[in-house]
Amino acid sequence: AEDTTPYAKAIPLLHLSSLARKLNALQRNGYDLAIISWL
């Protein structure tokens, strides 16, 4: 029905503050971070 609600309401599948801390540490160590998502 072209309603974007599910994308907005989707809950996180993991503890995102822990993920963010780890990703920020990896980025500080030279890794790039990316999202690849489909419509």
Full PDB file with SEQRES, HELIX, SHEET, SSBOND, CRYST1, ORIGX, SCALE, CONECT and MASTER records, all heavy atoms in Angstrom:
SEQRES   1 A   39  ALA GLU ASP THR THR PRO TYR ALA LYS ALA ILE PRO LEU          
SEQRES   2 A   39  LEU HIS LEU SER SER LEU ALA ARG LYS LEU ASN ALA LEU          
SEQRES   3 A   39  GLN ARG ASN GLY TYR ASP LEU ALA ILE ILE SER TRP LEU          
HELIX    1 AA1 THR A    5  LYS A    9  1                                   5    
HELIX    2 AA2 LEU A   16  ARG A   28  1                                  13    
CRYST1    1.000    1.000    1.000  90.00  90.00  90.00 P 1           1          
ORIGX1      1.000000  0.000000  0.000000        0.00000                         
ORIGX2      0.000000  1.000000  0.000000        0.00000                         
ORIGX3      0.000000  0.000000  1.000000        0.00000                         
SCALE1      1.000000  0.000000  0.000000        0.00000                         
SCALE2      0.000000  1.000000  0.000000        0.00000                         
SCALE3      0.000000  0.000000  1.000000        0.00000                         
ATOM      1  N   ALA A   1       0.821  -1.225   0.000  1.00  0.00           N  
ATOM      2  CA  ALA A   1       0.000   0.000   0.000  1.00  0.00           C  
ATOM      3  C   ALA A   1       0.852   1.270   0.000  1.00  0.00           C  
ATOM      4  O   ALA A   1       0.316   2.377   0.122  1.00  0.00           O  
ATOM      5  CB  ALA A   1      -0.938  -0.014   1.210  1.00  0.00           C  
ATOM      6  N   GLU A   2       2.147   1.113  -0.143  1.00  0.00           N  
ATOM      7  CA  GLU A   2       3.103   2.228  -0.141  1.00  0.00           C  
ATOM      8  C   GLU A   2       3.046   3.041   1.149  1.00  0.00           C  
ATOM      9  O   GLU A   2       3.088   4.271   1.150  1.00  0.00           O  
ATOM     10  CB  GLU A   2       2.949   3.107  -1.386  1.00  0.00           C  
ATOM     11  CG  GLU A   2       3.290   2.355  -2.658  1.00  0.00           C  
ATOM     12  CD  GLU A   2       3.630   3.244  -3.840  1.00  0.00           C  
ATOM     13  OE1 GLU A   2       3.444   4.482  -3.754  1.00  0.00           O  
ATOM     14  OE2 GLU A   2       4.120   2.699  -4.844  1.00  0.00           O  
ATOM     15  N   ASP A   3       2.998   2.318   2.256  1.00  0.00           N  
ATOM     16  CA  ASP A   3       3.005   2.903   3.597  1.00  0.00           C  
ATOM     17  C   ASP A   3       4.401   2.668   4.179  1.00  0.00           C  
ATOM     18  O   ASP A   3       4.863   1.527   4.250  1.00  0.00           O  
ATOM     19  CB  ASP A   3       1.926   2.210   4.438  1.00  0.00           C  
ATOM     20  CG  ASP A   3       1.823   2.751   5.848  1.00  0.00           C  
ATOM     21  OD1 ASP A   3       2.713   3.503   6.299  1.00  0.00           O  
ATOM     22  OD2 ASP A   3       0.833   2.396   6.519  1.00  0.00           O  
ATOM     23  N   THR A   4       5.073   3.715   4.589  1.00  0.00           N  
ATOM     24  CA  THR A   4       6.440   3.590   5.119  1.00  0.00           C  
ATOM     25  C   THR A   4       6.486   3.198   6.590  1.00  0.00           C  
ATOM     26  O   THR A   4       7.575   3.004   7.149  1.00  0.00           O  
ATOM     27  CB  THR A   4       7.209   4.911   4.949  1.00  0.00           C  
ATOM     28  OG1 THR A   4       6.537   5.935   5.684  1.00  0.00           O  
ATOM     29  CG2 THR A   4       7.348   5.303   3.489  1.00  0.00           C  
ATOM     30  N   THR A   5       5.323   3.049   7.225  1.00  0.00           N  
ATOM     31  CA  THR A   5       5.266   2.767   8.661  1.00  0.00           C  
ATOM     32  C   THR A   5       6.154   1.615   9.111  1.00  0.00           C  
ATOM     33  O   THR A   5       6.852   1.742  10.125  1.00  0.00           O  
ATOM     34  CB  THR A   5       3.807   2.530   9.107  1.00  0.00           C  
ATOM     35  OG1 THR A   5       3.048   3.699   8.797  1.00  0.00           O  
ATOM     36  CG2 THR A   5       3.709   2.227  10.582  1.00  0.00           C  
ATOM     37  N   PRO A   6       6.182   0.475   8.408  1.00  0.00           N  
ATOM     38  CA  PRO A   6       7.026  -0.629   8.906  1.00  0.00           C  
ATOM     39  C   PRO A   6       8.510  -0.267   9.011  1.00  0.00           C  
ATOM     40  O   PRO A   6       9.192  -0.718   9.921  1.00  0.00           O  
ATOM     41  CB  PRO A   6       6.807  -1.742   7.880  1.00  0.00           C  
ATOM     42  CG  PRO A   6       5.509  -1.426   7.237  1.00  0.00           C  
ATOM     43  CD  PRO A   6       5.399   0.071   7.243  1.00  0.00           C  
ATOM     44  N   TYR A   7       8.998   0.551   8.103  1.00  0.00           N  
ATOM     45  CA  TYR A   7      10.404   0.955   8.159  1.00  0.00           C  
ATOM     46  C   TYR A   7      10.662   1.830   9.391  1.00  0.00           C  
ATOM     47  O   TYR A   7      11.711   1.724  10.024  1.00  0.00           O  
ATOM     48  CB  TYR A   7      10.809   1.708   6.889  1.00  0.00           C  
ATOM     49  CG  TYR A   7      10.762   0.861   5.648  1.00  0.00           C  
ATOM     50  CD1 TYR A   7       9.773   1.046   4.688  1.00  0.00           C  
ATOM     51  CD2 TYR A   7      11.709  -0.139   5.428  1.00  0.00           C  
ATOM     52  CE1 TYR A   7       9.735   0.275   3.540  1.00  0.00           C  
ATOM     53  CE2 TYR A   7      11.675  -0.917   4.283  1.00  0.00           C  
ATOM     54  CZ  TYR A   7      10.686  -0.706   3.339  1.00  0.00           C  
ATOM     55  OH  TYR A   7      10.646  -1.479   2.210  1.00  0.00           O  
ATOM     56  N   ALA A   8       9.708   2.681   9.711  1.00  0.00           N  
ATOM     57  CA  ALA A   8       9.864   3.566  10.868  1.00  0.00           C  
ATOM     58  C   ALA A   8       9.689   2.818  12.184  1.00  0.00           C  
ATOM     59  O   ALA A   8      10.382   3.093  13.160  1.00  0.00           O  
ATOM     60  CB  ALA A   8       8.856   4.718  10.778  1.00  0.00           C  
ATOM     61  N   LYS A   9       8.747   1.854  12.208  1.00  0.00           N  
ATOM     62  CA  LYS A   9       8.425   1.138  13.444  1.00  0.00           C  
ATOM     63  C   LYS A   9       9.359  -0.038  13.730  1.00  0.00           C  
ATOM     64  O   LYS A   9       9.316  -0.578  14.832  1.00  0.00           O  
ATOM     65  CB  LYS A   9       6.990   0.599  13.372  1.00  0.00           C  
ATOM     66  CG  LYS A   9       5.925   1.614  13.599  1.00  0.00           C  
ATOM     67  CD  LYS A   9       4.584   0.913  13.617  1.00  0.00           C  
ATOM     68  CE  LYS A   9       3.673   1.547  14.625  1.00  0.00           C  
ATOM     69  NZ  LYS A   9       2.385   0.852  14.698  1.00  0.00           N  
ATOM     70  N   ALA A  10      10.151  -0.442  12.774  1.00  0.00           N  
ATOM     71  CA  ALA A  10      11.027  -1.605  12.961  1.00  0.00           C  
ATOM     72  C   ALA A  10      11.918  -1.405  14.190  1.00  0.00           C  
ATOM     73  O   ALA A  10      12.585  -0.376  14.318  1.00  0.00           O  
ATOM     74  CB  ALA A  10      11.883  -1.828  11.718  1.00  0.00           C  
ATOM     75  N   ILE A  11      11.897  -2.388  15.078  1.00  0.00           N  
ATOM     76  CA  ILE A  11      12.747  -2.289  16.263  1.00  0.00           C  
ATOM     77  C   ILE A  11      14.141  -2.825  15.930  1.00  0.00           C  
ATOM     78  O   ILE A  11      14.301  -3.622  14.999  1.00  0.00           O  
ATOM     79  CB  ILE A  11      12.131  -3.036  17.469  1.00  0.00           C  
ATOM     80  CG1 ILE A  11      11.997  -4.535  17.171  1.00  0.00           C  
ATOM     81  CG2 ILE A  11      10.801  -2.420  17.876  1.00  0.00           C  
ATOM     82  CD1 ILE A  11      11.628  -5.374  18.383  1.00  0.00           C  
ATOM     83  N   PRO A  12      15.130  -2.408  16.667  1.00  0.00           N  
ATOM     84  CA  PRO A  12      16.484  -2.929  16.447  1.00  0.00           C  
ATOM     85  C   PRO A  12      16.556  -4.432  16.726  1.00  0.00           C  
ATOM     86  O   PRO A  12      15.888  -4.938  17.625  1.00  0.00           O  
ATOM     87  CB  PRO A  12      17.338  -2.150  17.448  1.00  0.00           C  
ATOM     88  CG  PRO A  12      16.554  -0.913  17.739  1.00  0.00           C  
ATOM     89  CD  PRO A  12      15.116  -1.326  17.662  1.00  0.00           C  
ATOM     90  N   LEU A  13      17.362  -5.123  15.948  1.00  0.00           N  
ATOM     91  CA  LEU A  13      17.550  -6.556  16.135  1.00  0.00           C  
ATOM     92  C   LEU A  13      18.734  -6.897  17.036  1.00  0.00           C  
ATOM     93  O   LEU A  13      18.954  -8.056  17.333  1.00  0.00           O  
ATOM     94  CB  LEU A  13      17.727  -7.246  14.774  1.00  0.00           C  
ATOM     95  CG  LEU A  13      16.425  -7.453  14.007  1.00  0.00           C  
ATOM     96  CD1 LEU A  13      16.698  -7.860  12.577  1.00  0.00           C  
ATOM     97  CD2 LEU A  13      15.566  -8.490  14.706  1.00  0.00           C  
ATOM     98  N   LEU A  14      19.494  -5.886  17.434  1.00  0.00           N  
ATOM     99  CA  LEU A  14      20.579  -6.110  18.383  1.00  0.00           C  
ATOM    100  C   LEU A  14      20.742  -4.876  19.251  1.00  0.00           C  
ATOM    101  O   LEU A  14      20.099  -3.861  19.009  1.00  0.00           O  
ATOM    102  CB  LEU A  14      21.886  -6.502  17.689  1.00  0.00           C  
ATOM    103  CG  LEU A  14      22.338  -5.753  16.473  1.00  0.00           C  
ATOM    104  CD1 LEU A  14      23.846  -5.582  16.476  1.00  0.00           C  
ATOM    105  CD2 LEU A  14      21.968  -6.605  15.265  1.00  0.00           C  
ATOM    106  N   HIS A  15      21.552  -4.994  20.251  1.00  0.00           N  
ATOM    107  CA  HIS A  15      21.781  -3.881  21.179  1.00  0.00           C  
ATOM    108  C   HIS A  15      22.607  -2.833  20.445  1.00  0.00           C  
ATOM    109  O   HIS A  15      23.826  -2.975  20.288  1.00  0.00           O  
ATOM    110  CB  HIS A  15      22.504  -4.400  22.423  1.00  0.00           C  
ATOM    111  CG  HIS A  15      22.517  -3.435  23.542  1.00  0.00           C  
ATOM    112  ND1 HIS A  15      23.587  -2.603  23.775  1.00  0.00           N  
ATOM    113  CD2 HIS A  15      21.575  -3.134  24.470  1.00  0.00           C  
ATOM    114  CE1 HIS A  15      23.321  -1.848  24.811  1.00  0.00           C  
ATOM    115  NE2 HIS A  15      22.109  -2.147  25.253  1.00  0.00           N  
ATOM    116  N   LEU A  16      21.938  -1.779  19.980  1.00  0.00           N  
ATOM    117  CA  LEU A  16      22.594  -0.845  19.076  1.00  0.00           C  
ATOM    118  C   LEU A  16      23.630   0.056  19.739  1.00  0.00           C  
ATOM    119  O   LEU A  16      24.562   0.489  19.081  1.00  0.00           O  
ATOM    120  CB  LEU A  16      21.555  -0.023  18.322  1.00  0.00           C  
ATOM    121  CG  LEU A  16      20.718  -0.831  17.325  1.00  0.00           C  
ATOM    122  CD1 LEU A  16      19.762   0.079  16.577  1.00  0.00           C  
ATOM    123  CD2 LEU A  16      21.577  -1.610  16.353  1.00  0.00           C  
ATOM    124  N   SER A  17      23.512   0.316  21.029  1.00  0.00           N  
ATOM    125  CA  SER A  17      24.564   1.130  21.652  1.00  0.00           C  
ATOM    126  C   SER A  17      25.871   0.343  21.706  1.00  0.00           C  
ATOM    127  O   SER A  17      26.944   0.912  21.495  1.00  0.00           O  
ATOM    128  CB  SER A  17      24.146   1.628  23.032  1.00  0.00           C  
ATOM    129  OG  SER A  17      23.904   0.565  23.907  1.00  0.00           O  
ATOM    130  N   SER A  18      25.777  -0.968  21.929  1.00  0.00           N  
ATOM    131  CA  SER A  18      26.990  -1.808  21.886  1.00  0.00           C  
ATOM    132  C   SER A  18      27.541  -1.877  20.471  1.00  0.00           C  
ATOM    133  O   SER A  18      28.762  -1.796  20.266  1.00  0.00           O  
ATOM    134  CB  SER A  18      26.675  -3.226  22.375  1.00  0.00           C  
ATOM    135  OG  SER A  18      26.265  -3.211  23.715  1.00  0.00           O  
ATOM    136  N   LEU A  19      26.648  -2.014  19.495  1.00  0.00           N  
ATOM    137  CA  LEU A  19      27.086  -2.035  18.098  1.00  0.00           C  
ATOM    138  C   LEU A  19      27.767  -0.722  17.743  1.00  0.00           C  
ATOM    139  O   LEU A  19      28.844  -0.718  17.142  1.00  0.00           O  
ATOM    140  CB  LEU A  19      25.894  -2.289  17.166  1.00  0.00           C  
ATOM    141  CG  LEU A  19      26.210  -2.254  15.674  1.00  0.00           C  
ATOM    142  CD1 LEU A  19      27.167  -3.367  15.280  1.00  0.00           C  
ATOM    143  CD2 LEU A  19      24.920  -2.334  14.855  1.00  0.00           C  
ATOM    144  N   ALA A  20      27.172   0.393  18.138  1.00  0.00           N  
ATOM    145  CA  ALA A  20      27.750   1.700  17.811  1.00  0.00           C  
ATOM    146  C   ALA A  20      29.143   1.856  18.417  1.00  0.00           C  
ATOM    147  O   ALA A  20      30.063   2.330  17.739  1.00  0.00           O  
ATOM    148  CB  ALA A  20      26.831   2.818  18.303  1.00  0.00           C  
ATOM    149  N   ARG A  21      29.307   1.459  19.675  1.00  0.00           N  
ATOM    150  CA  ARG A  21      30.637   1.556  20.298  1.00  0.00           C  
ATOM    151  C   ARG A  21      31.662   0.740  19.522  1.00  0.00           C  
ATOM    152  O   ARG A  21      32.778   1.204  19.263  1.00  0.00           O  
ATOM    153  CB  ARG A  21      30.582   1.102  21.760  1.00  0.00           C  
ATOM    154  CG  ARG A  21      30.036   2.147  22.705  1.00  0.00           C  
ATOM    155  CD  ARG A  21      30.242   1.789  24.163  1.00  0.00           C  
ATOM    156  NE  ARG A  21      29.601   0.543  24.553  1.00  0.00           N  
ATOM    157  CZ  ARG A  21      28.326   0.408  24.899  1.00  0.00           C  
ATOM    158  NH1 ARG A  21      27.536   1.474  24.889  1.00  0.00           N  
ATOM    159  NH2 ARG A  21      27.842  -0.755  25.259  1.00  0.00           N  
ATOM    160  N   LYS A  22      31.276  -0.473  19.124  1.00  0.00           N  
ATOM    161  CA  LYS A  22      32.204  -1.335  18.394  1.00  0.00           C  
ATOM    162  C   LYS A  22      32.512  -0.753  17.015  1.00  0.00           C  
ATOM    163  O   LYS A  22      33.667  -0.738  16.582  1.00  0.00           O  
ATOM    164  CB  LYS A  22      31.631  -2.751  18.277  1.00  0.00           C  
ATOM    165  CG  LYS A  22      32.579  -3.731  17.621  1.00  0.00           C  
ATOM    166  CD  LYS A  22      33.857  -3.876  18.421  1.00  0.00           C  
ATOM    167  CE  LYS A  22      34.846  -4.798  17.769  1.00  0.00           C  
ATOM    168  NZ  LYS A  22      36.170  -4.725  18.375  1.00  0.00           N  
ATOM    169  N   LEU A  23      31.484  -0.278  16.315  1.00  0.00           N  
ATOM    170  CA  LEU A  23      31.705   0.292  14.988  1.00  0.00           C  
ATOM    171  C   LEU A  23      32.582   1.541  15.063  1.00  0.00           C  
ATOM    172  O   LEU A  23      33.470   1.728  14.227  1.00  0.00           O  
ATOM    173  CB  LEU A  23      30.371   0.614  14.319  1.00  0.00           C  
ATOM    174  CG  LEU A  23      29.510  -0.586  13.938  1.00  0.00           C  
ATOM    175  CD1 LEU A  23      28.204  -0.124  13.320  1.00  0.00           C  
ATOM    176  CD2 LEU A  23      30.254  -1.540  13.024  1.00  0.00           C  
ATOM    177  N   ASN A  24      32.351   2.386  16.057  1.00  0.00           N  
ATOM    178  CA  ASN A  24      33.182   3.583  16.197  1.00  0.00           C  
ATOM    179  C   ASN A  24      34.635   3.224  16.474  1.00  0.00           C  
ATOM    180  O   ASN A  24      35.551   3.861  15.950  1.00  0.00           O  
ATOM    181  CB  ASN A  24      32.601   4.501  17.268  1.00  0.00           C  
ATOM    182  CG  ASN A  24      31.328   5.186  16.801  1.00  0.00           C  
ATOM    183  OD1 ASN A  24      31.194   5.520  15.635  1.00  0.00           O  
ATOM    184  ND2 ASN A  24      30.394   5.375  17.705  1.00  0.00           N  
ATOM    185  N   ALA A  25      34.857   2.182  17.259  1.00  0.00           N  
ATOM    186  CA  ALA A  25      36.231   1.727  17.525  1.00  0.00           C  
ATOM    187  C   ALA A  25      36.868   1.186  16.247  1.00  0.00           C  
ATOM    188  O   ALA A  25      38.035   1.481  15.957  1.00  0.00           O  
ATOM    189  CB  ALA A  25      36.226   0.656  18.616  1.00  0.00           C  
ATOM    190  N   LEU A  26      36.124   0.412  15.478  1.00  0.00           N  
ATOM    191  CA  LEU A  26      36.658  -0.118  14.222  1.00  0.00           C  
ATOM    192  C   LEU A  26      36.963   1.012  13.244  1.00  0.00           C  
ATOM    193  O   LEU A  26      38.001   0.997  12.566  1.00  0.00           O  
ATOM    194  CB  LEU A  26      35.680  -1.120  13.605  1.00  0.00           C  
ATOM    195  CG  LEU A  26      35.590  -2.461  14.331  1.00  0.00           C  
ATOM    196  CD1 LEU A  26      34.349  -3.236  13.898  1.00  0.00           C  
ATOM    197  CD2 LEU A  26      36.851  -3.284  14.104  1.00  0.00           C  
ATOM    198  N   GLN A  27      36.089   2.007  13.206  1.00  0.00           N  
ATOM    199  CA  GLN A  27      36.329   3.147  12.319  1.00  0.00           C  
ATOM    200  C   GLN A  27      37.591   3.911  12.745  1.00  0.00           C  
ATOM    201  O   GLN A  27      38.394   4.313  11.900  1.00  0.00           O  
ATOM    202  CB  GLN A  27      35.104   4.053  12.306  1.00  0.00           C  
ATOM    203  CG  GLN A  27      35.069   5.042  11.171  1.00  0.00           C  
ATOM    204  CD  GLN A  27      33.750   5.771  11.105  1.00  0.00           C  
ATOM    205  OE1 GLN A  27      33.228   6.210  12.137  1.00  0.00           O  
ATOM    206  NE2 GLN A  27      33.202   5.912   9.910  1.00  0.00           N  
ATOM    207  N   ARG A  28      37.774   4.071  14.045  1.00  0.00           N  
ATOM    208  CA  ARG A  28      38.999   4.731  14.530  1.00  0.00           C  
ATOM    209  C   ARG A  28      40.245   3.936  14.146  1.00  0.00           C  
ATOM    210  O   ARG A  28      41.322   4.506  13.999  1.00  0.00           O  
ATOM    211  CB  ARG A  28      38.951   4.904  16.047  1.00  0.00           C  
ATOM    212  CG  ARG A  28      38.072   6.045  16.514  1.00  0.00           C  
ATOM    213  CD  ARG A  28      38.246   6.354  17.991  1.00  0.00           C  
ATOM    214  NE  ARG A  28      37.958   5.220  18.856  1.00  0.00           N  
ATOM    215  CZ  ARG A  28      36.759   4.876  19.314  1.00  0.00           C  
ATOM    216  NH1 ARG A  28      35.700   5.602  18.967  1.00  0.00           N  
ATOM    217  NH2 ARG A  28      36.596   3.841  20.100  1.00  0.00           N  
ATOM    218  N   ASN A  29      40.090   2.625  13.976  1.00  0.00           N  
ATOM    219  CA  ASN A  29      41.212   1.767  13.592  1.00  0.00           C  
ATOM    220  C   ASN A  29      41.355   1.615  12.085  1.00  0.00           C  
ATOM    221  O   ASN A  29      42.115   0.764  11.617  1.00  0.00           O  
ATOM    222  CB  ASN A  29      41.080   0.399  14.264  1.00  0.00           C  
ATOM    223  CG  ASN A  29      41.402   0.480  15.739  1.00  0.00           C  
ATOM    224  OD1 ASN A  29      42.335   1.167  16.146  1.00  0.00           O  
ATOM    225  ND2 ASN A  29      40.615  -0.202  16.552  1.00  0.00           N  
ATOM    226  N   GLY A  30      40.619   2.420  11.309  1.00  0.00           N  
ATOM    227  CA  GLY A  30      40.840   2.468   9.865  1.00  0.00           C  
ATOM    228  C   GLY A  30      39.804   1.806   8.989  1.00  0.00           C  
ATOM    229  O   GLY A  30      39.917   1.852   7.757  1.00  0.00           O  
ATOM    230  N   TYR A  31      38.800   1.173   9.560  1.00  0.00           N  
ATOM    231  CA  TYR A  31      37.749   0.548   8.752  1.00  0.00           C  
ATOM    232  C   TYR A  31      36.733   1.599   8.317  1.00  0.00           C  
ATOM    233  O   TYR A  31      36.454   2.544   9.045  1.00  0.00           O  
ATOM    234  CB  TYR A  31      37.013  -0.531   9.560  1.00  0.00           C  
ATOM    235  CG  TYR A  31      37.834  -1.768   9.801  1.00  0.00           C  
ATOM    236  CD1 TYR A  31      38.671  -1.860  10.908  1.00  0.00           C  
ATOM    237  CD2 TYR A  31      37.769  -2.839   8.919  1.00  0.00           C  
ATOM    238  CE1 TYR A  31      39.438  -2.996  11.134  1.00  0.00           C  
ATOM    239  CE2 TYR A  31      38.522  -3.988   9.143  1.00  0.00           C  
ATOM    240  CZ  TYR A  31      39.357  -4.058  10.251  1.00  0.00           C  
ATOM    241  OH  TYR A  31      40.117  -5.181  10.477  1.00  0.00           O  
ATOM    242  N   ASP A  32      36.173   1.400   7.127  1.00  0.00           N  
ATOM    243  CA  ASP A  32      35.044   2.195   6.676  1.00  0.00           C  
ATOM    244  C   ASP A  32      33.761   1.473   7.063  1.00  0.00           C  
ATOM    245  O   ASP A  32      33.742   0.233   7.157  1.00  0.00           O  
ATOM    246  CB  ASP A  32      35.080   2.393   5.159  1.00  0.00           C  
ATOM    247  CG  ASP A  32      36.148   3.388   4.726  1.00  0.00           C  
ATOM    248  OD1 ASP A  32      36.586   4.208   5.547  1.00  0.00           O  
ATOM    249  OD2 ASP A  32      36.548   3.335   3.548  1.00  0.00           O  
ATOM    250  N   LEU A  33      32.692   2.228   7.249  1.00  0.00           N  
ATOM    251  CA  LEU A  33      31.402   1.672   7.645  1.00  0.00           C  
ATOM    252  C   LEU A  33      30.354   2.061   6.618  1.00  0.00           C  
ATOM    253  O   LEU A  33      30.294   3.226   6.209  1.00  0.00           O  
ATOM    254  CB  LEU A  33      30.989   2.203   9.016  1.00  0.00           C  
ATOM    255  CG  LEU A  33      31.993   1.993  10.149  1.00  0.00           C  
ATOM    256  CD1 LEU A  33      31.502   2.674  11.417  1.00  0.00           C  
ATOM    257  CD2 LEU A  33      32.228   0.504  10.389  1.00  0.00           C  
ATOM    258  N   ALA A  34      29.527   1.076   6.214  1.00  0.00           N  
ATOM    259  CA  ALA A  34      28.545   1.353   5.174  1.00  0.00           C  
ATOM    260  C   ALA A  34      27.243   0.599   5.400  1.00  0.00           C  
ATOM    261  O   ALA A  34      27.218  -0.456   6.041  1.00  0.00           O  
ATOM    262  CB  ALA A  34      29.117   0.989   3.804  1.00  0.00           C  
ATOM    263  N   ILE A  35      26.205   1.156   4.850  1.00  0.00           N  
ATOM    264  CA  ILE A  35      24.883   0.534   4.777  1.00  0.00           C  
ATOM    265  C   ILE A  35      24.614   0.264   3.301  1.00  0.00           C  
ATOM    266  O   ILE A  35      24.850   1.135   2.452  1.00  0.00           O  
ATOM    267  CB  ILE A  35      23.782   1.478   5.330  1.00  0.00           C  
ATOM    268  CG1 ILE A  35      23.944   1.718   6.823  1.00  0.00           C  
ATOM    269  CG2 ILE A  35      22.393   0.960   4.984  1.00  0.00           C  
ATOM    270  CD1 ILE A  35      23.618   0.534   7.712  1.00  0.00           C  
ATOM    271  N   ILE A  36      24.129  -0.952   3.004  1.00  0.00           N  
ATOM    272  CA  ILE A  36      23.618  -1.268   1.675  1.00  0.00           C  
ATOM    273  C   ILE A  36      22.234  -1.861   1.899  1.00  0.00           C  
ATOM    274  O   ILE A  36      22.107  -2.973   2.408  1.00  0.00           O  
ATOM    275  CB  ILE A  36      24.488  -2.293   0.915  1.00  0.00           C  
ATOM    276  CG1 ILE A  36      25.952  -1.869   0.853  1.00  0.00           C  
ATOM    277  CG2 ILE A  36      23.926  -2.507  -0.493  1.00  0.00           C  
ATOM    278  CD1 ILE A  36      26.867  -2.954   0.279  1.00  0.00           C  
ATOM    279  N   SER A  37      21.214  -1.126   1.537  1.00  0.00           N  
ATOM    280  CA  SER A  37      19.844  -1.553   1.814  1.00  0.00           C  
ATOM    281  C   SER A  37      18.977  -1.399   0.576  1.00  0.00           C  
ATOM    282  O   SER A  37      19.146  -0.459  -0.202  1.00  0.00           O  
ATOM    283  CB  SER A  37      19.272  -0.713   2.969  1.00  0.00           C  
ATOM    284  OG  SER A  37      18.005  -1.178   3.352  1.00  0.00           O  
ATOM    285  N   TRP A  38      18.066  -2.334   0.430  1.00  0.00           N  
ATOM    286  CA  TRP A  38      17.142  -2.297  -0.701  1.00  0.00           C  
ATOM    287  C   TRP A  38      15.873  -1.531  -0.360  1.00  0.00           C  
ATOM    288  O   TRP A  38      15.421  -1.514   0.785  1.00  0.00           O  
ATOM    289  CB  TRP A  38      16.733  -3.711  -1.086  1.00  0.00           C  
ATOM    290  CG  TRP A  38      17.754  -4.506  -1.821  1.00  0.00           C  
ATOM    291  CD1 TRP A  38      18.865  -4.064  -2.472  1.00  0.00           C  
ATOM    292  CD2 TRP A  38      17.741  -5.927  -1.998  1.00  0.00           C  
ATOM    293  NE1 TRP A  38      19.541  -5.111  -3.033  1.00  0.00           N  
ATOM    294  CE2 TRP A  38      18.868  -6.273  -2.760  1.00  0.00           C  
ATOM    295  CE3 TRP A  38      16.887  -6.939  -1.583  1.00  0.00           C  
ATOM    296  CZ2 TRP A  38      19.163  -7.583  -3.116  1.00  0.00           C  
ATOM    297  CZ3 TRP A  38      17.183  -8.241  -1.932  1.00  0.00           C  
ATOM    298  CH2 TRP A  38      18.307  -8.557  -2.706  1.00  0.00           C  
ATOM    299  N   LEU A  39      15.274  -0.962  -1.382  1.00  0.00           N  
ATOM    300  CA  LEU A  39      13.924  -0.428  -1.295  1.00  0.00           C  
ATOM    301  C   LEU A  39      12.951  -1.603  -1.381  1.00  0.00           C  
ATOM    302  O   LEU A  39      13.369  -2.750  -1.582  1.00  0.00           O  
ATOM    303  CB  LEU A  39      13.684   0.556  -2.449  1.00  0.00           C  
ATOM    304  CG  LEU A  39      14.558   1.818  -2.404  1.00  0.00           C  
ATOM    305  CD1 LEU A  39      14.568   2.523  -3.750  1.00  0.00           C  
ATOM    306  CD2 LEU A  39      14.066   2.756  -1.305  1.00  0.00           C  
TER     307      LEU A  39                                                      
MASTER        0    0    0    2    0    0    0    6  306    1    0    3          
END                                                                             
